[in-house]
C-alpha atoms as a PDB file:
ATOM      1  CA  MET A   1      82.789  70.051  19.778  1.00  0.00           C
ATOM      2  CA  ALA A   2      81.893  69.229  16.542  1.00  0.00           C
ATOM      3  CA  GLU A   3      85.173  70.465  14.830  1.00  0.00           C
ATOM      4  CA  GLN A   4      86.732  68.012  17.653  1.00  0.00           C
ATOM      5  CA  ALA A   5      84.840  65.095  17.112  1.00  0.00           C
ATOM      6  CA  ASN A   6      84.901  65.224  13.043  1.00  0.00           C
ATOM      7  CA  GLN A   7      89.162  64.656  13.327  1.00  0.00           C
ATOM      8  CA  VAL A   8      90.109  61.628  11.522  1.00  0.00           C
ATOM      9  CA  THR A   9      93.582  60.841  12.672  1.00  0.00           C
ATOM     10  CA  ALA A  10      96.658  59.455  11.239  1.00  0.00           C
ATOM     11  CA  GLY A  11      96.027  56.294  11.397  1.00  0.00           C
ATOM     12  CA  GLU A  12      92.240  56.354   9.973  1.00  0.00           C
ATOM     13  CA  ARG A  13      93.959  58.122   7.255  1.00  0.00           C
ATOM     14  CA  GLU A  14      96.038  55.098   6.342  1.00  0.00           C
ATOM     15  CA  LYS A  15      92.756  52.725   6.841  1.00  0.00           C
ATOM     16  CA  ILE A  16      90.962  55.032   4.028  1.00  0.00           C
ATOM     17  CA  GLU A  17      94.220  55.135   1.561  1.00  0.00           C
ATOM     18  CA  ARG A  18      94.221  50.771   1.748  1.00  0.00           C
ATOM     19  CA  LEU A  19      90.057  51.006   1.277  1.00  0.00           C
ATOM     20  CA  GLY A  20      90.826  52.703  -1.797  1.00  0.00           C
ATOM     21  CA  ALA A  21      93.323  49.701  -3.226  1.00  0.00           C
ATOM     22  CA  THR A  22      90.866  47.003  -0.979  1.00  0.00           C
ATOM     23  CA  ALA A  23      87.357  48.488  -2.735  1.00  0.00           C
ATOM     24  CA  ALA A  24      89.204  47.955  -6.148  1.00  0.00           C
ATOM     25  CA  LYS A  25      90.271  44.323  -5.172  1.00  0.00           C
ATOM     26  CA  VAL A  26      86.257  43.909  -4.264  1.00  0.00           C
ATOM     27  CA  ARG A  27      85.560  44.936  -7.625  1.00  0.00           C
ATOM     28  CA  GLY A  28      88.000  42.366  -9.424  1.00  0.00           C
ATOM     29  CA  GLU A  29      87.052  40.008  -7.295  1.00  0.00           C
ATOM     30  CA  LEU A  30      83.347  40.566  -8.131  1.00  0.00           C
ATOM     31  CA  ARG A  31      84.152  40.182 -11.451  1.00  0.00           C
ATOM     32  CA  LYS A  32      84.637  36.624 -11.165  1.00  0.00           C
ATOM     33  CA  LYS A  33      80.925  36.192 -11.584  1.00  0.00           C
ATOM     34  CA  ILE A  34      79.602  39.077 -12.240  1.00  0.00           C
ATOM     35  CA  VAL A  35      79.715  40.627 -15.890  1.00  0.00           C
ATOM     36  CA  GLY A  36      79.241  44.607 -16.225  1.00  0.00           C
ATOM     37  CA  LEU A  37      77.550  46.336 -13.792  1.00  0.00           C
ATOM     38  CA  ASP A  38      80.172  48.446 -12.400  1.00  0.00           C
ATOM     39  CA  LEU A  39      78.415  51.327 -11.450  1.00  0.00           C
ATOM     40  CA  VAL A  40      75.769  49.352  -9.299  1.00  0.00           C
ATOM     41  CA  VAL A  41      78.763  47.884  -7.661  1.00  0.00           C
ATOM     42  CA  GLU A  42      80.092  51.437  -6.554  1.00  0.00           C
ATOM     43  CA  GLN A  43      77.307  52.433  -5.504  1.00  0.00           C
ATOM     44  CA  MET A  44      76.317  49.349  -3.360  1.00  0.00           C
ATOM     45  CA  LEU A  45      79.483  49.987  -1.576  1.00  0.00           C
ATOM     46  CA  MET A  46      78.793  53.371  -0.717  1.00  0.00           C
ATOM     47  CA  ALA A  47      75.765  52.699   0.773  1.00  0.00           C
ATOM     48  CA  ILE A  48      76.997  50.023   2.636  1.00  0.00           C
ATOM     49  CA  PHE A  49      80.056  51.711   4.064  1.00  0.00           C
ATOM     50  CA  ALA A  50      77.723  54.665   4.562  1.00  0.00           C
ATOM     51  CA  GLY A  51      75.431  52.986   6.870  1.00  0.00           C
ATOM     52  CA  GLY A  52      72.555  52.811   4.224  1.00  0.00           C
ATOM     53  CA  HIS A  53      70.080  50.714   2.619  1.00  0.00           C
ATOM     54  CA  SER A  54      69.364  50.646  -1.277  1.00  0.00           C
ATOM     55  CA  LEU A  55      66.748  49.758  -3.076  1.00  0.00           C
ATOM     56  CA  LEU A  56      67.495  48.690  -6.757  1.00  0.00           C
ATOM     57  CA  VAL A  57      64.993  48.563  -9.825  1.00  0.00           C
ATOM     58  CA  GLY A  58      65.573  46.460 -12.639  1.00  0.00           C
ATOM     59  CA  VAL A  59      63.746  43.627 -14.407  1.00  0.00           C
ATOM     60  CA  PRO A  60      63.923  39.829 -13.779  1.00  0.00           C
ATOM     61  CA  GLY A  61      67.030  37.975 -15.190  1.00  0.00           C
ATOM     62  CA  LEU A  62      70.099  40.729 -14.296  1.00  0.00           C
ATOM     63  CA  ALA A  63      71.510  39.316 -11.278  1.00  0.00           C
ATOM     64  CA  LYS A  64      70.638  41.403  -8.854  1.00  0.00           C
ATOM     65  CA  THR A  65      69.944  38.341  -6.468  1.00  0.00           C
ATOM     66  CA  LEU A  66      73.623  36.794  -7.612  1.00  0.00           C
ATOM     67  CA  LEU A  67      75.673  40.501  -7.173  1.00  0.00           C
ATOM     68  CA  ILE A  68      73.936  41.088  -3.451  1.00  0.00           C
ATOM     69  CA  SER A  69      74.953  37.083  -2.568  1.00  0.00           C
ATOM     70  CA  SER A  70      78.220  37.788  -4.132  1.00  0.00           C
ATOM     71  CA  LEU A  71      79.264  40.927  -2.323  1.00  0.00           C
ATOM     72  CA  ALA A  72      77.906  39.055   0.969  1.00  0.00           C
ATOM     73  CA  GLU A  73      80.692  37.062   0.892  1.00  0.00           C
ATOM     74  CA  ILE A  74      83.561  38.934  -0.322  1.00  0.00           C
ATOM     75  CA  LEU A  75      82.246  40.963   2.506  1.00  0.00           C
ATOM     76  CA  SER A  76      82.650  38.801   5.158  1.00  0.00           C
ATOM     77  CA  LEU A  77      79.114  39.505   5.582  1.00  0.00           C
ATOM     78  CA  LYS A  78      75.820  36.493   6.689  1.00  0.00           C
ATOM     79  CA  PHE A  79      73.356  36.667   3.981  1.00  0.00           C
ATOM     80  CA  ARG A  80      69.762  36.173   3.999  1.00  0.00           C
ATOM     81  CA  ARG A  81      67.234  36.402   1.044  1.00  0.00           C
ATOM     82  CA  ILE A  82      63.734  36.929   1.771  1.00  0.00           C
ATOM     83  CA  GLN A  83      61.262  36.391  -1.164  1.00  0.00           C
ATOM     84  CA  PHE A  84      58.184  39.284  -0.267  1.00  0.00           C
ATOM     85  CA  THR A  85      54.814  37.300  -1.433  1.00  0.00           C
ATOM     86  CA  PRO A  86      51.050  38.416  -0.811  1.00  0.00           C
ATOM     87  CA  ASP A  87      50.596  36.520   1.752  1.00  0.00           C
ATOM     88  CA  LEU A  88      54.179  36.660   3.880  1.00  0.00           C
ATOM     89  CA  MET A  89      53.111  37.784   7.450  1.00  0.00           C
ATOM     90  CA  PRO A  90      55.794  40.394   9.555  1.00  0.00           C
ATOM     91  CA  SER A  91      56.767  37.442  12.029  1.00  0.00           C
ATOM     92  CA  ASP A  92      57.665  35.329   8.785  1.00  0.00           C
ATOM     93  CA  ILE A  93      60.488  38.277   8.743  1.00  0.00           C
ATOM     94  CA  THR A  94      61.183  39.299  12.030  1.00  0.00           C
ATOM     95  CA  GLY A  95      60.517  36.122  13.930  1.00  0.00           C
ATOM     96  CA  THR A  96      57.951  35.056  16.570  1.00  0.00           C
ATOM     97  CA  GLU A  97      57.930  33.392  19.955  1.00  0.00           C
ATOM     98  CA  VAL A  98      57.059  29.385  20.278  1.00  0.00           C
ATOM     99  CA  ILE A  99      56.721  27.439  23.404  1.00  0.00           C
ATOM    100  CA  ALA A 100      59.448  25.793  24.120  1.00  0.00           C
ATOM    101  CA  GLN A 101      60.293  23.032  27.537  1.00  0.00           C
ATOM    102  CA  ASP A 102      62.883  24.949  29.745  1.00  0.00           C
ATOM    103  CA  ARG A 103      65.726  21.650  30.210  1.00  0.00           C
ATOM    104  CA  GLU A 104      66.573  22.505  33.952  1.00  0.00           C
ATOM    105  CA  THR A 105      63.471  23.186  35.210  1.00  0.00           C
ATOM    106  CA  GLY A 106      61.323  21.448  33.252  1.00  0.00           C
ATOM    107  CA  LYS A 107      58.587  24.352  32.288  1.00  0.00           C
ATOM    108  CA  ARG A 108      57.181  25.628  29.186  1.00  0.00           C
ATOM    109  CA  VAL A 109      58.131  29.534  28.311  1.00  0.00           C
ATOM    110  CA  PHE A 110      57.940  31.449  25.571  1.00  0.00           C
ATOM    111  CA  GLN A 111      61.205  31.345  23.626  1.00  0.00           C
ATOM    112  CA  PHE A 112      62.103  33.864  20.690  1.00  0.00           C
ATOM    113  CA  VAL A 113      62.983  32.319  17.256  1.00  0.00           C
ATOM    114  CA  PRO A 114      64.673  34.838  14.897  1.00  0.00           C
ATOM    115  CA  GLY A 115      63.644  35.401  11.370  1.00  0.00           C
ATOM    116  CA  PRO A 116      65.449  35.762   8.178  1.00  0.00           C
ATOM    117  CA  ILE A 117      66.173  39.451   8.638  1.00  0.00           C
ATOM    118  CA  PHE A 118      68.688  38.563  11.052  1.00  0.00           C
ATOM    119  CA  ALA A 119      71.459  38.614   8.949  1.00  0.00           C
ATOM    120  CA  HIS A 120      74.317  41.370   7.851  1.00  0.00           C
ATOM    121  CA  LEU A 121      72.961  41.761   4.071  1.00  0.00           C
ATOM    122  CA  VAL A 122      69.129  41.413   3.659  1.00  0.00           C
ATOM    123  CA  LEU A 123      68.326  40.865   0.204  1.00  0.00           C
ATOM    124  CA  ALA A 124      64.640  41.947   0.112  1.00  0.00           C
ATOM    125  CA  ASP A 125      63.387  40.241  -3.061  1.00  0.00           C
ATOM    126  CA  GLU A 126      60.081  42.402  -5.063  1.00  0.00           C
ATOM    127  CA  ILE A 127      59.363  44.560  -1.511  1.00  0.00           C
ATOM    128  CA  ASN A 128      56.203  46.012  -3.202  1.00  0.00           C
ATOM    129  CA  ARG A 129      54.762  42.733  -3.606  1.00  0.00           C
ATOM    130  CA  THR A 130      54.035  42.006  -0.072  1.00  0.00           C
ATOM    131  CA  PRO A 131      51.285  44.104   2.007  1.00  0.00           C
ATOM    132  CA  PRO A 132      51.651  47.050   4.445  1.00  0.00           C
ATOM    133  CA  LYS A 133      52.035  45.827   7.172  1.00  0.00           C
ATOM    134  CA  THR A 134      54.640  43.375   6.612  1.00  0.00           C
ATOM    135  CA  GLN A 135      56.643  46.494   5.034  1.00  0.00           C
ATOM    136  CA  ALA A 136      56.245  48.168   7.678  1.00  0.00           C
ATOM    137  CA  ALA A 137      57.881  45.346   9.764  1.00  0.00           C
ATOM    138  CA  LEU A 138      60.657  45.647   7.539  1.00  0.00           C
ATOM    139  CA  MET A 139      60.933  49.396   7.621  1.00  0.00           C
ATOM    140  CA  GLU A 140      61.149  49.213  11.227  1.00  0.00           C
ATOM    141  CA  ALA A 141      64.308  47.100  11.142  1.00  0.00           C
ATOM    142  CA  MET A 142      65.803  49.257   8.526  1.00  0.00           C
ATOM    143  CA  GLU A 143      65.293  52.605  10.916  1.00  0.00           C
ATOM    144  CA  GLU A 144      65.896  51.484  14.086  1.00  0.00           C
ATOM    145  CA  ARG A 145      68.328  48.351  14.044  1.00  0.00           C
ATOM    146  CA  GLN A 146      66.033  46.147  15.548  1.00  0.00           C
ATOM    147  CA  VAL A 147      62.555  44.444  15.480  1.00  0.00           C
ATOM    148  CA  THR A 148      59.725  44.170  17.693  1.00  0.00           C
ATOM    149  CA  SER A 149      58.045  40.722  18.911  1.00  0.00           C
ATOM    150  CA  ALA A 150      55.280  40.248  21.743  1.00  0.00           C
ATOM    151  CA  GLY A 151      56.339  44.185  22.981  1.00  0.00           C
ATOM    152  CA  LYS A 152      60.165  42.757  23.224  1.00  0.00           C
ATOM    153  CA  LYS A 153      62.701  44.628  21.249  1.00  0.00           C
ATOM    154  CA  PHE A 154      65.767  42.755  19.517  1.00  0.00           C
ATOM    155  CA  PRO A 155      68.886  44.358  18.532  1.00  0.00           C
ATOM    156  CA  LEU A 156      69.799  43.175  14.972  1.00  0.00           C
ATOM    157  CA  GLU A 157      73.634  42.840  14.856  1.00  0.00           C
ATOM    158  CA  PRO A 158      75.446  45.516  12.885  1.00  0.00           C
ATOM    159  CA  PRO A 159      76.599  46.272  10.344  1.00  0.00           C
ATOM    160  CA  PHE A 160      72.514  45.427   8.768  1.00  0.00           C
ATOM    161  CA  HIS A 161      71.769  46.948   5.259  1.00  0.00           C
ATOM    162  CA  VAL A 162      69.026  45.934   3.036  1.00  0.00           C
ATOM    163  CA  LEU A 163      68.851  46.015  -0.255  1.00  0.00           C
ATOM    164  CA  ALA A 164      65.686  45.433  -1.925  1.00  0.00           C
ATOM    165  CA  THR A 165      64.639  44.930  -5.659  1.00  0.00           C
ATOM    166  CA  GLN A 166      61.968  46.028  -7.561  1.00  0.00           C
ATOM    167  CA  ASN A 167      60.858  44.995 -10.785  1.00  0.00           C
ATOM    168  CA  PRO A 168      59.791  48.146 -12.700  1.00  0.00           C
ATOM    169  CA  ILE A 169      57.246  46.601 -15.570  1.00  0.00           C
ATOM    170  CA  GLU A 170      54.945  44.357 -13.610  1.00  0.00           C
ATOM    171  CA  GLN A 171      52.712  46.307 -11.165  1.00  0.00           C
ATOM    172  CA  GLU A 172      49.725  44.314 -11.440  1.00  0.00           C
ATOM    173  CA  GLY A 173      49.019  42.748  -7.955  1.00  0.00           C
ATOM    174  CA  THR A 174      51.306  44.977  -6.009  1.00  0.00           C
ATOM    175  CA  TYR A 175      51.644  47.332  -3.042  1.00  0.00           C
ATOM    176  CA  PRO A 176      53.804  50.495  -4.110  1.00  0.00           C
ATOM    177  CA  LEU A 177      56.065  52.270  -1.418  1.00  0.00           C
ATOM    178  CA  PRO A 178      54.660  55.535  -0.153  1.00  0.00           C
ATOM    179  CA  ILE A 179      57.513  58.007  -0.368  1.00  0.00           C
ATOM    180  CA  ALA A 180      57.730  57.980   3.120  1.00  0.00           C
ATOM    181  CA  GLN A 181      59.115  54.613   2.732  1.00  0.00           C
ATOM    182  CA  LEU A 182      60.845  55.100  -0.169  1.00  0.00           C
ATOM    183  CA  ASP A 183      62.392  58.296   1.899  1.00  0.00           C
ATOM    184  CA  ARG A 184      64.604  55.345   4.339  1.00  0.00           C
ATOM    185  CA  PHE A 185      66.701  53.802   1.347  1.00  0.00           C
ATOM    186  CA  MET A 186      69.426  56.020   0.889  1.00  0.00           C
ATOM    187  CA  PHE A 187      69.821  54.593  -2.868  1.00  0.00           C
ATOM    188  CA  GLU A 188      67.514  53.838  -5.763  1.00  0.00           C
ATOM    189  CA  LEU A 189      69.947  52.211  -7.853  1.00  0.00           C
ATOM    190  CA  ARG A 190      69.052  51.475 -11.605  1.00  0.00           C
ATOM    191  CA  VAL A 191      69.906  47.816 -12.945  1.00  0.00           C
ATOM    192  CA  ASP A 192      69.689  48.189 -16.549  1.00  0.00           C
ATOM    193  CA  TYR A 193      70.275  45.197 -19.741  1.00  0.00           C
ATOM    194  CA  PRO A 194      74.413  44.352 -20.520  1.00  0.00           C
ATOM    195  CA  SER A 195      75.844  45.663 -23.508  1.00  0.00           C
ATOM    196  CA  PHE A 196      76.277  43.555 -26.268  1.00  0.00           C
ATOM    197  CA  GLU A 197      80.079  42.931 -25.336  1.00  0.00           C
ATOM    198  CA  GLU A 198      78.691  41.864 -21.777  1.00  0.00           C
ATOM    199  CA  GLU A 199      75.294  39.976 -23.344  1.00  0.00           C
ATOM    200  CA  TYR A 200      78.187  37.376 -25.057  1.00  0.00           C
ATOM    201  CA  LYS A 201      80.310  37.213 -21.953  1.00  0.00           C
ATOM    202  CA  ILE A 202      77.429  36.495 -19.917  1.00  0.00           C
ATOM    203  CA  ALA A 203      75.861  33.813 -22.644  1.00  0.00           C
ATOM    204  CA  ALA A 204      79.411  32.320 -22.295  1.00  0.00           C
ATOM    205  CA  LEU A 205      80.172  32.143 -19.333  1.00  0.00           C
ATOM    206  CA  THR A 206      76.986  30.769 -17.753  1.00  0.00           C
ATOM    207  CA  THR A 207      76.740  28.218 -20.290  1.00  0.00           C
ATOM    208  CA  SER A 208      80.016  26.507 -19.616  1.00  0.00           C
ATOM    209  CA  ALA A 209      81.344  24.932 -16.938  1.00  0.00           C
ATOM    210  CA  TYR A 210      83.300  27.438 -15.486  1.00  0.00           C
ATOM    211  CA  LYS A 211      82.976  28.124 -11.486  1.00  0.00           C
ATOM    212  CA  ALA A 212      83.996  30.886  -9.967  1.00  0.00           C
ATOM    213  CA  GLU A 213      85.102  30.769  -6.241  1.00  0.00           C
ATOM    214  CA  LEU A 214      85.234  34.104  -4.158  1.00  0.00           C
ATOM    215  CA  SER A 215      87.442  35.470  -1.196  1.00  0.00           C
ATOM    216  CA  PRO A 216      86.684  36.967   1.458  1.00  0.00           C
ATOM    217  CA  LEU A 217      88.519  40.286   1.087  1.00  0.00           C
ATOM    218  CA  ILE A 218      87.228  42.776   4.276  1.00  0.00           C
ATOM    219  CA  ALA A 219      86.303  41.161   7.896  1.00  0.00           C
ATOM    220  CA  ARG A 220      82.842  42.315   9.211  1.00  0.00           C
ATOM    221  CA  GLU A 221      84.770  44.267  12.036  1.00  0.00           C
ATOM    222  CA  GLU A 222      86.715  46.049   9.334  1.00  0.00           C
ATOM    223  CA  ILE A 223      83.668  47.539   8.076  1.00  0.00           C
ATOM    224  CA  LEU A 224      82.373  48.430  11.411  1.00  0.00           C
ATOM    225  CA  ASP A 225      85.561  50.227  11.564  1.00  0.00           C
ATOM    226  CA  LEU A 226      85.060  52.499   8.082  1.00  0.00           C
ATOM    227  CA  GLN A 227      81.691  53.026   9.090  1.00  0.00           C
ATOM    228  CA  ALA A 228      82.732  54.526  12.429  1.00  0.00           C
ATOM    229  CA  ILE A 229      85.269  56.490  10.144  1.00  0.00           C
ATOM    230  CA  VAL A 230      82.823  57.698   7.444  1.00  0.00           C
ATOM    231  CA  LYS A 231      81.163  59.679  10.339  1.00  0.00           C
ATOM    232  CA  LYS A 232      84.294  61.405  11.996  1.00  0.00           C
ATOM    233  CA  LEU A 233      85.199  62.450   7.953  1.00  0.00           C
ATOM    234  CA  PRO A 234      85.277  66.148   7.775  1.00  0.00           C
ATOM    235  CA  VAL A 235      83.381  67.940   5.197  1.00  0.00           C
ATOM    236  CA  SER A 236      84.116  71.679   4.618  1.00  0.00           C
ATOM    237  CA  GLU A 237      81.463  74.354   4.675  1.00  0.00           C
ATOM    238  CA  THR A 238      81.562  74.689   1.589  1.00  0.00           C
ATOM    239  CA  VAL A 239      80.464  71.310   0.485  1.00  0.00           C
ATOM    240  CA  ILE A 240      77.559  71.227   2.878  1.00  0.00           C
ATOM    241  CA  ARG A 241      76.158  74.538   1.562  1.00  0.00           C
ATOM    242  CA  TYR A 242      76.403  72.777  -2.000  1.00  0.00           C
ATOM    243  CA  ALA A 243      74.211  69.737  -0.793  1.00  0.00           C
ATOM    244  CA  ALA A 244      71.690  72.183   0.808  1.00  0.00           C
ATOM    245  CA  GLN A 245      71.597  74.070  -2.007  1.00  0.00           C
ATOM    246  CA  ILE A 246      71.004  71.484  -4.617  1.00  0.00           C
ATOM    247  CA  VAL A 247      68.278  69.866  -2.233  1.00  0.00           C
ATOM    248  CA  ARG A 248      66.192  73.601  -1.355  1.00  0.00           C
ATOM    249  CA  HIS A 249      66.242  73.713  -5.012  1.00  0.00           C
ATOM    250  CA  THR A 250      63.785  70.522  -5.312  1.00  0.00           C
ATOM    251  CA  ARG A 251      61.260  72.553  -3.222  1.00  0.00           C
ATOM    252  CA  VAL A 252      58.180  73.537  -5.078  1.00  0.00           C
ATOM    253  CA  GLN A 253      57.600  76.054  -2.362  1.00  0.00           C
ATOM    254  CA  SER A 254      61.004  77.518  -2.331  1.00  0.00           C
ATOM    255  CA  ASP A 255      62.027  81.118  -3.364  1.00  0.00           C
ATOM    256  CA  SER A 256      65.379  79.517  -4.825  1.00  0.00           C
ATOM    257  CA  ALA A 257      63.233  76.623  -6.900  1.00  0.00           C
ATOM    258  CA  PRO A 258      63.573  77.710 -10.970  1.00  0.00           C
ATOM    259  CA  LYS A 259      60.905  77.376 -12.786  1.00  0.00           C
ATOM    260  CA  PHE A 260      61.249  73.904 -14.722  1.00  0.00           C
ATOM    261  CA  ILE A 261      60.868  72.328 -10.883  1.00  0.00           C
ATOM    262  CA  ARG A 262      57.630  73.901 -10.409  1.00  0.00           C
ATOM    263  CA  ASP A 263      56.903  72.946 -13.627  1.00  0.00           C
ATOM    264  CA  TRP A 264      58.130  69.522 -13.255  1.00  0.00           C
ATOM    265  CA  LEU A 265      57.565  68.528  -9.515  1.00  0.00           C
ATOM    266  CA  LEU A 266      54.767  68.242  -6.915  1.00  0.00           C
ATOM    267  CA  TRP A 267      57.070  67.649  -3.994  1.00  0.00           C
ATOM    268  CA  GLY A 268      60.433  68.385  -3.592  1.00  0.00           C
ATOM    269  CA  VAL A 269      63.293  66.073  -1.542  1.00  0.00           C
ATOM    270  CA  GLY A 270      63.093  66.535   2.433  1.00  0.00           C
ATOM    271  CA  PRO A 271      66.495  66.755   5.155  1.00  0.00           C
ATOM    272  CA  ARG A 272      66.426  63.262   4.977  1.00  0.00           C
ATOM    273  CA  GLY A 273      68.141  63.911   1.470  1.00  0.00           C
ATOM    274  CA  GLY A 274      70.371  65.853   1.981  1.00  0.00           C
ATOM    275  CA  GLN A 275      72.087  64.551   5.441  1.00  0.00           C
ATOM    276  CA  PHE A 276      72.079  60.829   2.341  1.00  0.00           C
ATOM    277  CA  LEU A 277      73.895  63.596  -0.175  1.00  0.00           C
ATOM    278  CA  ILE A 278      76.489  64.182   2.286  1.00  0.00           C
ATOM    279  CA  LEU A 279      77.265  60.853   4.108  1.00  0.00           C
ATOM    280  CA  ALA A 280      77.310  58.959   0.285  1.00  0.00           C
ATOM    281  CA  ALA A 281      80.101  61.316  -0.210  1.00  0.00           C
ATOM    282  CA  LYS A 282      82.164  60.381   1.998  1.00  0.00           C
ATOM    283  CA  ALA A 283      82.113  57.002   1.857  1.00  0.00           C
ATOM    284  CA  ARG A 284      82.605  57.861  -2.063  1.00  0.00           C
ATOM    285  CA  ALA A 285      86.260  59.625  -1.177  1.00  0.00           C
ATOM    286  CA  MET A 286      86.837  57.010   1.145  1.00  0.00           C
ATOM    287  CA  LEU A 287      86.304  54.303  -1.822  1.00  0.00           C
ATOM    288  CA  GLU A 288      88.658  56.264  -3.673  1.00  0.00           C
ATOM    289  CA  GLY A 289      91.503  56.906  -0.718  1.00  0.00           C
ATOM    290  CA  ARG A 290      90.674  59.993  -0.307  1.00  0.00           C
ATOM    291  CA  ALA A 291      90.303  61.761   2.800  1.00  0.00           C
ATOM    292  CA  THR A 292      88.788  64.989   1.086  1.00  0.00           C
ATOM    293  CA  VAL A 293      85.736  65.421  -0.152  1.00  0.00           C
ATOM    294  CA  GLU A 294      84.733  67.341  -2.526  1.00  0.00           C
ATOM    295  CA  PRO A 295      82.076  68.931  -4.356  1.00  0.00           C
ATOM    296  CA  ALA A 296      82.539  65.762  -7.283  1.00  0.00           C
ATOM    297  CA  ASP A 297      81.426  63.789  -4.755  1.00  0.00           C
ATOM    298  CA  ILE A 298      78.211  65.212  -4.501  1.00  0.00           C
ATOM    299  CA  ARG A 299      77.767  65.633  -7.892  1.00  0.00           C
ATOM    300  CA  ALA A 300      78.323  61.722  -8.541  1.00  0.00           C
ATOM    301  CA  VAL A 301      75.868  60.464  -5.925  1.00  0.00           C
ATOM    302  CA  ALA A 302      72.953  62.723  -6.444  1.00  0.00           C
ATOM    303  CA  HIS A 303      71.477  60.556  -8.861  1.00  0.00           C
ATOM    304  CA  PRO A 304      70.685  57.573  -6.193  1.00  0.00           C
ATOM    305  CA  VAL A 305      70.801  59.386  -3.373  1.00  0.00           C
ATOM    306  CA  LEU A 306      67.609  62.058  -5.018  1.00  0.00           C
ATOM    307  CA  ARG A 307      65.658  60.266  -7.797  1.00  0.00           C
ATOM    308  CA  HIS A 308      63.099  58.535  -5.979  1.00  0.00           C
ATOM    309  CA  ARG A 309      62.702  61.326  -3.216  1.00  0.00           C
ATOM    310  CA  ILE A 310      61.230  63.506  -5.691  1.00  0.00           C
ATOM    311  CA  ILE A 311      57.508  63.513  -7.021  1.00  0.00           C
ATOM    312  CA  SER A 312      57.016  64.512 -10.951  1.00  0.00           C
ATOM    313  CA  SER A 313      53.844  66.226 -11.769  1.00  0.00           C
ATOM    314  CA  TYR A 314      51.163  65.252 -14.373  1.00  0.00           C
ATOM    315  CA  TYR A 315      52.825  67.445 -17.041  1.00  0.00           C
ATOM    316  CA  ALA A 316      56.471  65.883 -16.750  1.00  0.00           C
ATOM    317  CA  GLU A 317      55.424  62.321 -16.656  1.00  0.00           C
ATOM    318  CA  ALA A 318      52.777  63.239 -19.608  1.00  0.00           C
ATOM    319  CA  GLU A 319      56.370  64.700 -21.506  1.00  0.00           C
ATOM    320  CA  GLY A 320      57.652  61.339 -20.438  1.00  0.00           C
ATOM    321  CA  ILE A 321      60.029  63.792 -18.219  1.00  0.00           C
ATOM    322  CA  THR A 322      62.106  61.187 -15.738  1.00  0.00           C
ATOM    323  CA  PRO A 323      63.356  62.004 -12.482  1.00  0.00           C
ATOM    324  CA  ASP A 324      66.981  61.407 -13.734  1.00  0.00           C
ATOM    325  CA  ARG A 325      66.346  64.166 -16.369  1.00  0.00           C
ATOM    326  CA  ILE A 326      65.330  66.973 -13.597  1.00  0.00           C
ATOM    327  CA  VAL A 327      68.016  65.908 -11.419  1.00  0.00           C
ATOM    328  CA  ALA A 328      70.216  66.049 -14.170  1.00  0.00           C
ATOM    329  CA  LYS A 329      68.890  69.675 -15.364  1.00  0.00           C
ATOM    330  CA  LEU A 330      69.174  70.628 -11.407  1.00  0.00           C
ATOM    331  CA  LEU A 331      72.675  70.239 -11.562  1.00  0.00           C
ATOM    332  CA  GLU A 332      73.199  72.150 -14.338  1.00  0.00           C
ATOM    333  CA  VAL A 333      71.648  74.824 -12.905  1.00  0.00           C
ATOM    334  CA  VAL A 334      72.970  74.850  -9.147  1.00  0.00           C
ATOM    335  CA  PRO A 335      76.648  75.941  -9.770  1.00  0.00           C
ATOM    336  CA  ALA A 336      79.277  73.766  -8.160  1.00  0.00           C
ATOM    337  CA  PRO A 337      82.166  75.193  -6.074  1.00  0.00           C
ATOM    338  CA  ASP A 338      85.531  75.407  -6.719  1.00  0.00           C
ATOM    339  CA  ALA A 339      86.986  72.223  -5.258  1.00  0.00           C
ATOM    340  CA  ARG A 340      90.224  74.208  -3.480  1.00  0.00           C
ATOM    341  CA  ILE A 341      87.855  76.799  -1.581  1.00  0.00           C
ATOM    342  CA  GLY A 342      87.122  75.543   1.988  1.00  0.00           C
ATOM    343  CA  VAL A 343      88.900  72.212   1.914  1.00  0.00           C
ATOM    344  CA  GLY A 344      90.450  72.894   5.465  1.00  0.00           C
ATOM    345  CA  ALA A 345      87.386  74.138   6.998  1.00  0.00           C
ATOM    346  CA  GLY A 346      85.413  71.008   8.007  1.00  0.00           C
ATOM    347  CA  VAL A 347      82.381  70.421  10.169  1.00  0.00           C
END
């Protein structure tokens, strides 16, 4: 039954091949406004086509907001930005009911006024600056693709993606997201400082009269179609087992956990991490115009999928051992299978 569901038709394979060319055009279009950040752009596209949400971590001034709004413009998606503050209430983002007068009957009725979360691409700016109650309202929308107001449920129009930002430096007066909420994000993306050449180009372009005009390249309906194809894309048993082995090796309680994991981690990755590894690998293959998922795809998405799902031990933190270093060592320890093995055995 599962094998029948995961069959890609000849027409869908053509769409995948076209997506590879379109993705290259999207990157080229973004370069009109965005300098550098190629890896972040690629990973954001993976998350969108895989149907996931992303958390972007980086200091202010690295063009995170401009990148997300520009991407929404190119993908023909409705964009909204929400600035999270300590006084932000759940209804400020989800919407609220107000008393309105019915034009036909003249009676006063309650009417729901949608909040800024009713968009396709939502930028949750500085998500850790708002209290847990408001964070929880956002998490419900992310998980359920709906909001609740006065006991009524209001669905969010697909596609719906949250791209949240965090400043890794300032932690004063913040409300750090619990690991259970971080787990809802498919990716944690690191936005680093630009290189010297990129910094030069940024300074030259942004202090001149240069103004870039972006062109939409993909329609909303195409994105929904491609998201459905991601789910249908077959993955070999070998690749699925490889993803499962990586996840299980992070669990301190597991017999398969190597010594460095027992020393460096307090807690490992849950099942959702394995699911996101496979979905993100599928999206990566499609963005390269391939209908076959390889072990290299799993390795390429391991860092953004796993870095926020592991809890480092006090020893690791004291020694300055970062989650990325732990993931890199994990990929060394868990051998990648031969890409040619089990390619046809999709599930």
